[in-house]
Amino acid sequence: MSNSTYFVQECPTCGRLLQIRVEYLGKQVVCQHCQGRLIASDPSNLRIDEALGKNALLRRADELLDNVDRCKCQIRSVYPR
């Protein structure tokens, strides 16, 4: 009986939490639920630039959502009900 050590990583395709053996760190693995491919990486060891990149993406999404709201307001002012 082996005593393997695992870490948990979210599948980027289906979002399920996967238990991955530490031996697979840095290697490509396949999600057994959706067959999505991902590189095994421990999220607690994310590099700071990766974390900042995700924050930048969220900020950009917020900007786009605000822009949609402004466009809706402009359309309503031109075409009132």
C-alpha atoms as a PDB file:
ATOM      1  CA  MET A   1       0.000   0.000   0.000  1.00  0.00           C
ATOM      2  CA  SER A   2       1.471   3.343  -1.051  1.00  0.00           C
ATOM      3  CA  ASN A   3       1.392   6.505   1.012  1.00  0.00           C
ATOM      4  CA  SER A   4       1.152   9.089  -1.759  1.00  0.00           C
ATOM      5  CA  THR A   5       0.862  12.781  -1.031  1.00  0.00           C
ATOM      6  CA  TYR A   6      -1.740  14.771  -2.938  1.00  0.00           C
ATOM      7  CA  PHE A   7      -2.607  18.406  -3.471  1.00  0.00           C
ATOM      8  CA  VAL A   8      -5.883  19.845  -4.709  1.00  0.00           C
ATOM      9  CA  GLN A   9      -6.170  21.777  -7.961  1.00  0.00           C
ATOM     10  CA  GLU A  10      -9.212  23.085  -9.781  1.00  0.00           C
ATOM     11  CA  CYS A  11      -9.767  21.860 -13.324  1.00  0.00           C
ATOM     12  CA  PRO A  12      -9.748  24.958 -15.579  1.00  0.00           C
ATOM     13  CA  THR A  13     -12.279  23.308 -17.908  1.00  0.00           C
ATOM     14  CA  CYS A  14     -15.016  21.970 -15.611  1.00  0.00           C
ATOM     15  CA  GLY A  15     -14.090  23.611 -12.287  1.00  0.00           C
ATOM     16  CA  ARG A  16     -14.012  20.399 -10.262  1.00  0.00           C
ATOM     17  CA  LEU A  17     -11.438  19.998  -7.538  1.00  0.00           C
ATOM     18  CA  LEU A  18      -8.913  17.316  -8.414  1.00  0.00           C
ATOM     19  CA  GLN A  19      -6.604  15.431  -6.085  1.00  0.00           C
ATOM     20  CA  ILE A  20      -3.260  15.226  -7.864  1.00  0.00           C
ATOM     21  CA  ARG A  21      -0.188  13.371  -6.667  1.00  0.00           C
ATOM     22  CA  VAL A  22       2.774  15.609  -5.945  1.00  0.00           C
ATOM     23  CA  GLU A  23       4.859  13.453  -8.289  1.00  0.00           C
ATOM     24  CA  TYR A  24       2.897  15.001 -11.183  1.00  0.00           C
ATOM     25  CA  LEU A  25       3.768  18.628 -10.348  1.00  0.00           C
ATOM     26  CA  GLY A  26       4.770  20.447 -13.537  1.00  0.00           C
ATOM     27  CA  LYS A  27       3.442  17.683 -15.781  1.00  0.00           C
ATOM     28  CA  GLN A  28       0.379  17.597 -17.971  1.00  0.00           C
ATOM     29  CA  VAL A  29      -2.521  15.675 -16.459  1.00  0.00           C
ATOM     30  CA  VAL A  30      -6.052  14.898 -17.639  1.00  0.00           C
ATOM     31  CA  CYS A  31      -9.199  15.587 -15.633  1.00  0.00           C
ATOM     32  CA  GLN A  32     -11.017  12.301 -15.152  1.00  0.00           C
ATOM     33  CA  HIS A  33     -14.381  14.099 -15.198  1.00  0.00           C
ATOM     34  CA  CYS A  34     -14.235  16.151 -18.416  1.00  0.00           C
ATOM     35  CA  GLN A  35     -10.992  14.965 -20.065  1.00  0.00           C
ATOM     36  CA  GLY A  36      -9.649  18.532 -19.920  1.00  0.00           C
ATOM     37  CA  ARG A  37      -5.871  18.858 -19.954  1.00  0.00           C
ATOM     38  CA  LEU A  38      -3.955  20.944 -17.430  1.00  0.00           C
ATOM     39  CA  ILE A  39      -0.484  21.373 -16.002  1.00  0.00           C
ATOM     40  CA  ALA A  40      -0.341  20.131 -12.419  1.00  0.00           C
ATOM     41  CA  SER A  41       0.640  23.073 -10.242  1.00  0.00           C
ATOM     42  CA  ASP A  42       0.097  23.721  -6.567  1.00  0.00           C
ATOM     43  CA  PRO A  43      -1.993  26.895  -6.315  1.00  0.00           C
ATOM     44  CA  SER A  44      -0.320  27.875  -3.047  1.00  0.00           C
ATOM     45  CA  ASN A  45       2.900  28.332  -5.034  1.00  0.00           C
ATOM     46  CA  LEU A  46       1.511  30.723  -7.679  1.00  0.00           C
ATOM     47  CA  ARG A  47       4.012  33.278  -8.844  1.00  0.00           C
ATOM     48  CA  ILE A  48       3.117  36.869  -8.078  1.00  0.00           C
ATOM     49  CA  ASP A  49       2.916  37.862 -11.763  1.00  0.00           C
ATOM     50  CA  GLU A  50       0.375  35.096 -12.406  1.00  0.00           C
ATOM     51  CA  ALA A  51      -1.751  36.361  -9.533  1.00  0.00           C
ATOM     52  CA  LEU A  52      -1.494  39.938 -10.796  1.00  0.00           C
ATOM     53  CA  GLY A  53      -2.446  38.773 -14.290  1.00  0.00           C
ATOM     54  CA  LYS A  54      -5.650  37.248 -12.943  1.00  0.00           C
ATOM     55  CA  ASN A  55      -6.455  40.476 -11.107  1.00  0.00           C
ATOM     56  CA  ALA A  56      -5.881  42.445 -14.311  1.00  0.00           C
ATOM     57  CA  LEU A  57      -8.264  40.130 -16.140  1.00  0.00           C
ATOM     58  CA  LEU A  58     -10.945  40.640 -13.485  1.00  0.00           C
ATOM     59  CA  ARG A  59     -10.470  44.416 -13.647  1.00  0.00           C
ATOM     60  CA  ARG A  60     -10.856  44.302 -17.443  1.00  0.00           C
ATOM     61  CA  ALA A  61     -14.046  42.252 -17.131  1.00  0.00           C
ATOM     62  CA  ASP A  62     -15.423  44.849 -14.701  1.00  0.00           C
ATOM     63  CA  GLU A  63     -14.548  47.629 -17.162  1.00  0.00           C
ATOM     64  CA  LEU A  64     -16.395  45.840 -19.959  1.00  0.00           C
ATOM     65  CA  LEU A  65     -19.462  45.271 -17.785  1.00  0.00           C
ATOM     66  CA  ASP A  66     -19.494  48.962 -16.820  1.00  0.00           C
ATOM     67  CA  ASN A  67     -19.242  49.878 -20.503  1.00  0.00           C
ATOM     68  CA  VAL A  68     -22.277  47.707 -21.290  1.00  0.00           C
ATOM     69  CA  ASP A  69     -24.240  49.449 -18.523  1.00  0.00           C
ATOM     70  CA  ARG A  70     -23.291  52.870 -19.931  1.00  0.00           C
ATOM     71  CA  CYS A  71     -24.360  51.807 -23.435  1.00  0.00           C
ATOM     72  CA  LYS A  72     -27.723  50.614 -22.116  1.00  0.00           C
ATOM     73  CA  CYS A  73     -28.259  53.972 -20.429  1.00  0.00           C
ATOM     74  CA  GLN A  74     -27.416  55.824 -23.644  1.00  0.00           C
ATOM     75  CA  ILE A  75     -29.810  53.672 -25.649  1.00  0.00           C
ATOM     76  CA  ARG A  76     -32.598  54.296 -23.127  1.00  0.00           C
ATOM     77  CA  SER A  77     -32.056  58.053 -23.357  1.00  0.00           C
ATOM     78  CA  VAL A  78     -32.323  57.933 -27.159  1.00  0.00           C
ATOM     79  CA  TYR A  79     -35.230  55.450 -27.263  1.00  0.00           C
ATOM     80  CA  PRO A  80     -37.310  56.034 -24.114  1.00  0.00           C
ATOM     81  CA  ARG A  81     -40.193  53.665 -23.444  1.00  0.00           C
END
